Amino acid sequence: MLLKTTIFFIFVQSTYTITMEKLRSLRKRRGYTQEYMSNILSTDVSNYCRKENGEVRIFDDEWEKLAKALDVPVEDIKEERTGNVVQNLTFNDSSSNTSTNSQTGNYNQYQYYNIPEYMLENHKEYIDLLKEQVEALKQELEKFKSKK
């Protein structure tokens, strides 16, 4: 009996510069609350919290407002967020960012996600567990083969 296996390739480049530390530390040093800062951006506290944690993008005009409120230049608080790149080679979703190489006709598809570090660690631990299980099954198979 032959088993056909389909393998889905997903490449994840992890980056851990998610939290806007400059913004957070300066806000705390000035004694401002997240509520105060959220009012400056005309948003709710939970959305501001997500912005400060790097989960939601802070737009240039928002950086300007925050810098003005903190009385510093934008450069002193702005941090470029590097998103995690997931290159999905299996699924073709026309709604994502796609570019075509005109010579080869190949499509390059990149989807950008912010993946929290704890999730990456959890997946790494799960992969290690699966590797251990594979090794145990290989040993069991070898024992079974040697009995024949």
Protein backbone atom coordinates (compact mmCIF):
# COMPACT_ATOMS: atom_id res chain seq x y z
CA MET A 1 0.00 0.00 0.00
CA LEU A 2 1.49 3.31 -1.06
CA LEU A 3 0.72 6.51 0.76
CA LYS A 4 0.66 9.74 -1.15
CA THR A 5 1.84 12.65 0.93
CA THR A 6 1.30 16.30 0.14
CA ILE A 7 3.69 18.66 1.83
CA PHE A 8 2.80 22.28 2.41
CA PHE A 9 5.84 24.53 2.55
CA ILE A 10 5.57 27.58 4.72
CA PHE A 11 8.64 29.66 5.41
CA VAL A 12 8.47 31.81 8.52
CA GLN A 13 11.13 34.37 9.25
CA SER A 14 10.71 35.36 12.84
CA THR A 15 11.41 38.86 14.01
CA TYR A 16 10.87 39.98 17.53
CA THR A 17 10.82 43.78 17.26
CA ILE A 18 7.10 44.03 17.79
CA THR A 19 6.65 46.22 20.86
CA MET A 20 7.07 49.95 20.36
CA GLU A 21 9.45 50.25 23.33
CA LYS A 22 10.56 53.82 22.69
CA LEU A 23 6.98 55.04 22.64
CA ARG A 24 5.96 53.01 25.69
CA SER A 25 8.93 53.97 27.85
CA LEU A 26 8.67 57.68 27.02
CA ARG A 27 4.93 57.63 27.68
CA LYS A 28 5.54 56.05 31.09
CA ARG A 29 8.37 58.47 31.92
CA ARG A 30 6.06 61.38 31.15
CA GLY A 31 3.40 59.83 33.39
CA TYR A 32 0.82 59.56 30.61
CA THR A 33 -1.71 56.75 30.59
CA GLN A 34 -2.72 54.72 27.58
CA GLU A 35 -6.14 56.33 27.92
CA TYR A 36 -4.61 59.81 27.59
CA MET A 37 -2.66 58.75 24.50
CA SER A 38 -5.69 57.06 22.97
CA ASN A 39 -7.62 60.33 23.29
CA ILE A 40 -4.86 62.09 21.34
CA LEU A 41 -5.33 59.61 18.51
CA SER A 42 -9.14 59.69 18.84
CA THR A 43 -9.29 55.95 19.35
CA ASP A 44 -10.21 53.63 22.19
CA VAL A 45 -7.75 52.37 24.78
CA SER A 46 -7.69 48.80 23.50
CA ASN A 47 -6.80 49.96 19.99
CA TYR A 48 -4.05 52.24 21.32
CA CYS A 49 -2.73 49.32 23.38
CA ARG A 50 -2.57 47.19 20.22
CA LYS A 51 -0.72 50.01 18.45
CA GLU A 52 1.77 50.30 21.31
CA ASN A 53 2.26 46.53 21.31
CA GLY A 54 2.94 46.57 17.57
CA GLU A 55 -0.13 44.53 16.71
CA VAL A 56 -1.72 47.40 14.77
CA ARG A 57 0.13 49.80 12.50
CA ILE A 58 0.77 53.36 13.63
CA PHE A 59 0.38 55.67 10.64
CA ASP A 60 2.64 58.67 9.99
CA ASP A 61 0.01 61.21 11.01
CA GLU A 62 -0.47 59.31 14.28
CA TRP A 63 3.29 59.33 14.90
CA GLU A 64 3.16 63.12 14.44
CA LYS A 65 0.34 63.49 16.99
CA LEU A 66 2.10 61.24 19.51
CA ALA A 67 5.41 63.07 19.10
CA LYS A 68 3.67 66.42 19.59
CA ALA A 69 1.93 65.17 22.75
CA LEU A 70 5.22 63.83 24.13
CA ASP A 71 7.07 66.98 23.03
CA VAL A 72 9.75 65.10 21.10
CA PRO A 73 10.69 64.70 17.43
CA VAL A 74 9.04 61.77 15.67
CA GLU A 75 12.46 60.13 15.21
CA ASP A 76 12.82 59.81 18.98
CA ILE A 77 9.79 57.55 19.31
CA LYS A 78 9.18 55.99 15.90
CA GLU A 79 10.25 52.40 15.45
CA GLU A 80 9.92 50.58 12.20
CA ARG A 81 7.98 47.43 12.67
CA THR A 82 9.38 44.46 10.85
CA GLY A 83 6.62 42.01 10.08
CA ASN A 84 7.10 38.30 9.82
CA VAL A 85 7.15 37.07 6.26
CA VAL A 86 5.25 33.94 5.45
CA GLN A 87 5.94 32.70 1.97
CA ASN A 88 3.05 30.48 1.08
CA LEU A 89 4.06 28.22 -1.80
CA THR A 90 0.98 26.03 -1.70
CA PHE A 91 -2.08 28.22 -1.86
CA ASN A 92 -2.74 30.81 -4.52
CA ASP A 93 -5.00 33.54 -3.25
CA SER A 94 -5.53 36.27 -5.81
CA SER A 95 -6.46 38.76 -3.10
CA SER A 96 -2.93 38.88 -1.68
CA ASN A 97 0.10 40.81 -2.86
CA THR A 98 1.33 39.04 -5.96
CA SER A 99 4.00 39.87 -8.49
CA THR A 100 4.80 38.13 -11.75
CA ASN A 101 8.22 37.51 -13.23
CA SER A 102 7.63 38.33 -16.90
CA GLN A 103 10.43 36.06 -18.14
CA THR A 104 9.38 32.89 -16.32
CA GLY A 105 5.73 33.60 -15.63
CA ASN A 106 6.28 32.58 -12.01
CA TYR A 107 4.23 34.18 -9.29
CA ASN A 108 5.86 35.34 -6.09
CA GLN A 109 3.36 35.55 -3.30
CA TYR A 110 4.10 37.07 0.08
CA GLN A 111 1.70 37.54 2.93
CA TYR A 112 2.78 39.57 5.92
CA TYR A 113 1.76 38.57 9.41
CA ASN A 114 2.78 39.60 12.88
CA ILE A 115 3.27 36.37 14.74
CA PRO A 116 3.77 36.74 18.48
CA GLU A 117 6.92 35.17 19.88
CA TYR A 118 4.99 32.87 22.22
CA MET A 119 3.17 31.35 19.24
CA LEU A 120 6.44 30.71 17.44
CA GLU A 121 7.88 29.09 20.57
CA ASN A 122 4.74 26.98 20.95
CA HIS A 123 5.03 25.78 17.36
CA LYS A 124 8.73 25.01 17.79
CA GLU A 125 7.96 22.91 20.87
CA TYR A 126 5.20 21.10 18.97
CA ILE A 127 7.58 20.41 16.07
CA ASP A 128 10.15 19.00 18.52
CA LEU A 129 7.46 16.76 20.03
CA LEU A 130 6.47 15.52 16.58
CA LYS A 131 10.12 14.80 15.76
CA GLU A 132 10.41 12.71 18.93
CA GLN A 133 7.26 10.82 17.99
CA VAL A 134 8.59 10.17 14.48
CA GLU A 135 11.83 8.78 15.93
CA ALA A 136 9.89 6.54 18.33
CA LEU A 137 7.75 5.25 15.48
CA LYS A 138 10.84 4.60 13.35
CA GLN A 139 12.34 2.54 16.18
CA GLU A 140 9.08 0.65 16.60
CA LEU A 141 8.99 -0.04 12.87
CA GLU A 142 12.56 -1.33 12.92
CA LYS A 143 11.68 -3.69 15.79
CA PHE A 144 8.65 -4.90 13.82
CA LYS A 145 10.76 -5.46 10.69
CA SER A 146 13.45 -7.34 12.62
CA LYS A 147 10.86 -9.80 14.01
CA LYS A 148 9.90 -10.94 10.50
